[in-house]
């Protein structure tokens, strides 16, 4: 059975989708942009956006009692693959060493003019 996950601690959906959905075993987050929850706007620069995207994922997972250690797979979308090293450094700081599987993809554009968007699949 599908469960819809919603939290006020992360950016609200800007289209017809949920922040995340869950089954008995897994949580699937929608892509999280680098929106700073204090301002409601995109953070300045790719590193700040990557931090905000990871924090927003953390808040969505927290709504189901999960944390970064429960993440099995992530997908990172970047506007410019030249930002890979900067995003990679930020991303790595959210894990204790047992990193999830991951794909990183350069895209032509992201919603709201974002520089990075991150989604994940976590295990309950």
C-alpha atoms as a PDB file:
ATOM      1  CA  UNK A   1       0.000   0.000   0.000  1.00  0.00           C
ATOM      2  CA  UNK A   2       1.279   3.473  -0.874  1.00  0.00           C
ATOM      3  CA  UNK A   3       1.626   6.082   1.864  1.00  0.00           C
ATOM      4  CA  UNK A   4       2.085   9.786   1.133  1.00  0.00           C
ATOM      5  CA  UNK A   5       4.725  11.568   3.218  1.00  0.00           C
ATOM      6  CA  UNK A   6       4.398  15.275   3.923  1.00  0.00           C
ATOM      7  CA  UNK A   7       6.306  17.601   6.231  1.00  0.00           C
ATOM      8  CA  UNK A   8       6.268  21.358   6.722  1.00  0.00           C
ATOM      9  CA  UNK A   9      10.016  21.162   7.515  1.00  0.00           C
ATOM     10  CA  UNK A  10      10.910  20.741   3.812  1.00  0.00           C
ATOM     11  CA  UNK A  11       9.875  22.696   0.715  1.00  0.00           C
ATOM     12  CA  UNK A  12       6.359  22.069  -0.470  1.00  0.00           C
ATOM     13  CA  UNK A  13       5.805  20.436  -3.845  1.00  0.00           C
ATOM     14  CA  UNK A  14       5.757  22.956  -6.701  1.00  0.00           C
ATOM     15  CA  UNK A  15       3.692  20.657  -8.911  1.00  0.00           C
ATOM     16  CA  UNK A  16       1.400  17.623  -8.849  1.00  0.00           C
ATOM     17  CA  UNK A  17       3.635  15.344  -6.781  1.00  0.00           C
ATOM     18  CA  UNK A  18       4.317  14.404  -3.161  1.00  0.00           C
ATOM     19  CA  UNK A  19       7.453  15.126  -1.145  1.00  0.00           C
ATOM     20  CA  UNK A  20       7.780  11.359  -0.804  1.00  0.00           C
ATOM     21  CA  UNK A  21       5.860   8.118  -0.951  1.00  0.00           C
ATOM     22  CA  UNK A  22       6.438   4.977   1.049  1.00  0.00           C
ATOM     23  CA  UNK A  23       5.688   1.289   1.038  1.00  0.00           C
ATOM     24  CA  UNK A  24       6.124  -1.092   3.946  1.00  0.00           C
ATOM     25  CA  UNK A  25       9.811  -1.411   3.048  1.00  0.00           C
ATOM     26  CA  UNK A  26      10.934   1.766   1.245  1.00  0.00           C
ATOM     27  CA  UNK A  27      10.650   5.538   1.098  1.00  0.00           C
ATOM     28  CA  UNK A  28      11.000   7.274  -2.283  1.00  0.00           C
ATOM     29  CA  UNK A  29      11.665  11.003  -2.097  1.00  0.00           C
ATOM     30  CA  UNK A  30      10.930  13.446  -4.844  1.00  0.00           C
ATOM     31  CA  UNK A  31      13.861  15.519  -6.000  1.00  0.00           C
ATOM     32  CA  UNK A  32      14.815  18.185  -3.502  1.00  0.00           C
ATOM     33  CA  UNK A  33      16.134  21.477  -4.790  1.00  0.00           C
ATOM     34  CA  UNK A  34      18.556  23.619  -2.834  1.00  0.00           C
ATOM     35  CA  UNK A  35      15.829  25.714  -1.245  1.00  0.00           C
ATOM     36  CA  UNK A  36      16.811  27.367   2.016  1.00  0.00           C
ATOM     37  CA  UNK A  37      13.860  26.827   4.348  1.00  0.00           C
ATOM     38  CA  UNK A  38      14.658  30.028   6.285  1.00  0.00           C
ATOM     39  CA  UNK A  39      14.130  32.175   3.180  1.00  0.00           C
ATOM     40  CA  UNK A  40      11.965  29.943   0.990  1.00  0.00           C
ATOM     41  CA  UNK A  41      14.310  30.688  -1.917  1.00  0.00           C
ATOM     42  CA  UNK A  42      17.140  28.908  -3.650  1.00  0.00           C
ATOM     43  CA  UNK A  43      20.401  29.208  -1.737  1.00  0.00           C
ATOM     44  CA  UNK A  44      23.262  31.104  -3.383  1.00  0.00           C
ATOM     45  CA  UNK A  45      25.760  28.907  -5.210  1.00  0.00           C
ATOM     46  CA  UNK A  46      25.989  25.212  -5.918  1.00  0.00           C
ATOM     47  CA  UNK A  47      27.567  24.212  -2.579  1.00  0.00           C
ATOM     48  CA  UNK A  48      24.882  25.975  -0.548  1.00  0.00           C
ATOM     49  CA  UNK A  49      22.179  24.498  -2.771  1.00  0.00           C
ATOM     50  CA  UNK A  50      23.652  21.003  -2.307  1.00  0.00           C
ATOM     51  CA  UNK A  51      23.619  21.455   1.481  1.00  0.00           C
ATOM     52  CA  UNK A  52      20.015  22.663   1.411  1.00  0.00           C
ATOM     53  CA  UNK A  53      18.939  19.787  -0.856  1.00  0.00           C
ATOM     54  CA  UNK A  54      20.530  17.258   1.526  1.00  0.00           C
ATOM     55  CA  UNK A  55      18.984  18.947   4.578  1.00  0.00           C
ATOM     56  CA  UNK A  56      15.580  18.906   2.868  1.00  0.00           C
ATOM     57  CA  UNK A  57      15.949  15.186   2.118  1.00  0.00           C
ATOM     58  CA  UNK A  58      16.853  14.673   5.765  1.00  0.00           C
ATOM     59  CA  UNK A  59      13.670  16.442   6.881  1.00  0.00           C
ATOM     60  CA  UNK A  60      11.494  14.357   4.565  1.00  0.00           C
ATOM     61  CA  UNK A  61      13.102  11.150   5.846  1.00  0.00           C
ATOM     62  CA  UNK A  62      12.801  12.363   9.446  1.00  0.00           C
ATOM     63  CA  UNK A  63       9.028  12.611   8.956  1.00  0.00           C
ATOM     64  CA  UNK A  64       9.097   8.787   8.792  1.00  0.00           C
ATOM     65  CA  UNK A  65      11.666   8.348  11.566  1.00  0.00           C
ATOM     66  CA  UNK A  66      14.542   7.723   9.151  1.00  0.00           C
ATOM     67  CA  UNK A  67      17.930   9.328   8.619  1.00  0.00           C
ATOM     68  CA  UNK A  68      20.716   9.452   6.062  1.00  0.00           C
ATOM     69  CA  UNK A  69      21.955   6.037   7.202  1.00  0.00           C
ATOM     70  CA  UNK A  70      18.744   4.516   5.789  1.00  0.00           C
ATOM     71  CA  UNK A  71      19.409   5.775   2.241  1.00  0.00           C
ATOM     72  CA  UNK A  72      20.019   2.981  -0.279  1.00  0.00           C
ATOM     73  CA  UNK A  73      20.274   4.969  -3.532  1.00  0.00           C
ATOM     74  CA  UNK A  74      20.479   8.599  -4.572  1.00  0.00           C
ATOM     75  CA  UNK A  75      20.272  10.394  -7.870  1.00  0.00           C
ATOM     76  CA  UNK A  76      21.906  13.791  -8.188  1.00  0.00           C
ATOM     77  CA  UNK A  77      20.962  16.116 -11.036  1.00  0.00           C
ATOM     78  CA  UNK A  78      23.402  18.975 -11.703  1.00  0.00           C
ATOM     79  CA  UNK A  79      23.089  21.844 -14.128  1.00  0.00           C
ATOM     80  CA  UNK A  80      26.831  21.796 -14.782  1.00  0.00           C
ATOM     81  CA  UNK A  81      28.980  18.675 -14.382  1.00  0.00           C
ATOM     82  CA  UNK A  82      31.908  21.013 -13.683  1.00  0.00           C
ATOM     83  CA  UNK A  83      30.293  21.369 -10.222  1.00  0.00           C
ATOM     84  CA  UNK A  84      30.667  17.617  -9.595  1.00  0.00           C
ATOM     85  CA  UNK A  85      33.593  17.907  -7.149  1.00  0.00           C
ATOM     86  CA  UNK A  86      31.918  20.633  -5.072  1.00  0.00           C
ATOM     87  CA  UNK A  87      28.609  18.766  -4.893  1.00  0.00           C
ATOM     88  CA  UNK A  88      30.434  15.504  -4.162  1.00  0.00           C
ATOM     89  CA  UNK A  89      32.245  17.042  -1.167  1.00  0.00           C
ATOM     90  CA  UNK A  90      29.001  18.394   0.300  1.00  0.00           C
ATOM     91  CA  UNK A  91      27.163  15.111  -0.338  1.00  0.00           C
ATOM     92  CA  UNK A  92      29.892  13.014   1.318  1.00  0.00           C
ATOM     93  CA  UNK A  93      29.640  15.076   4.523  1.00  0.00           C
ATOM     94  CA  UNK A  94      26.143  13.696   5.193  1.00  0.00           C
ATOM     95  CA  UNK A  95      27.261  10.070   5.460  1.00  0.00           C
ATOM     96  CA  UNK A  96      29.454   8.225   7.953  1.00  0.00           C
ATOM     97  CA  UNK A  97      31.220   6.158   5.301  1.00  0.00           C
ATOM     98  CA  UNK A  98      28.800   3.467   4.164  1.00  0.00           C
ATOM     99  CA  UNK A  99      27.722   5.427   1.115  1.00  0.00           C
ATOM    100  CA  UNK A 100      24.558   4.606  -0.807  1.00  0.00           C
ATOM    101  CA  UNK A 101      24.572   3.685  -4.472  1.00  0.00           C
ATOM    102  CA  UNK A 102      24.382   6.830  -6.590  1.00  0.00           C
ATOM    103  CA  UNK A 103      23.997   8.255 -10.067  1.00  0.00           C
ATOM    104  CA  UNK A 104      24.933  11.810 -11.046  1.00  0.00           C
ATOM    105  CA  UNK A 105      23.454  13.300 -14.194  1.00  0.00           C
ATOM    106  CA  UNK A 106      23.990  16.656 -15.911  1.00  0.00           C
ATOM    107  CA  UNK A 107      20.697  18.164 -17.024  1.00  0.00           C
ATOM    108  CA  UNK A 108      19.758  21.046 -19.304  1.00  0.00           C
ATOM    109  CA  UNK A 109      17.777  22.786 -16.567  1.00  0.00           C
ATOM    110  CA  UNK A 110      16.153  22.381 -13.169  1.00  0.00           C
ATOM    111  CA  UNK A 111      12.976  23.904 -11.698  1.00  0.00           C
ATOM    112  CA  UNK A 112      13.272  27.466 -10.381  1.00  0.00           C
ATOM    113  CA  UNK A 113      16.703  27.775 -12.021  1.00  0.00           C
ATOM    114  CA  UNK A 114      18.285  25.387  -9.514  1.00  0.00           C
ATOM    115  CA  UNK A 115      21.873  24.220  -9.842  1.00  0.00           C
ATOM    116  CA  UNK A 116      21.405  20.832  -8.124  1.00  0.00           C
ATOM    117  CA  UNK A 117      18.529  18.516  -7.229  1.00  0.00           C
ATOM    118  CA  UNK A 118      18.808  15.295  -5.225  1.00  0.00           C
ATOM    119  CA  UNK A 119      16.377  12.413  -4.737  1.00  0.00           C
ATOM    120  CA  UNK A 120      16.717   9.163  -2.824  1.00  0.00           C
ATOM    121  CA  UNK A 121      15.332   5.765  -2.003  1.00  0.00           C
ATOM    122  CA  UNK A 122      15.594   4.748   1.646  1.00  0.00           C
ATOM    123  CA  UNK A 123      14.841   1.538   3.509  1.00  0.00           C
ATOM    124  CA  UNK A 124      12.447   1.577   6.445  1.00  0.00           C
END
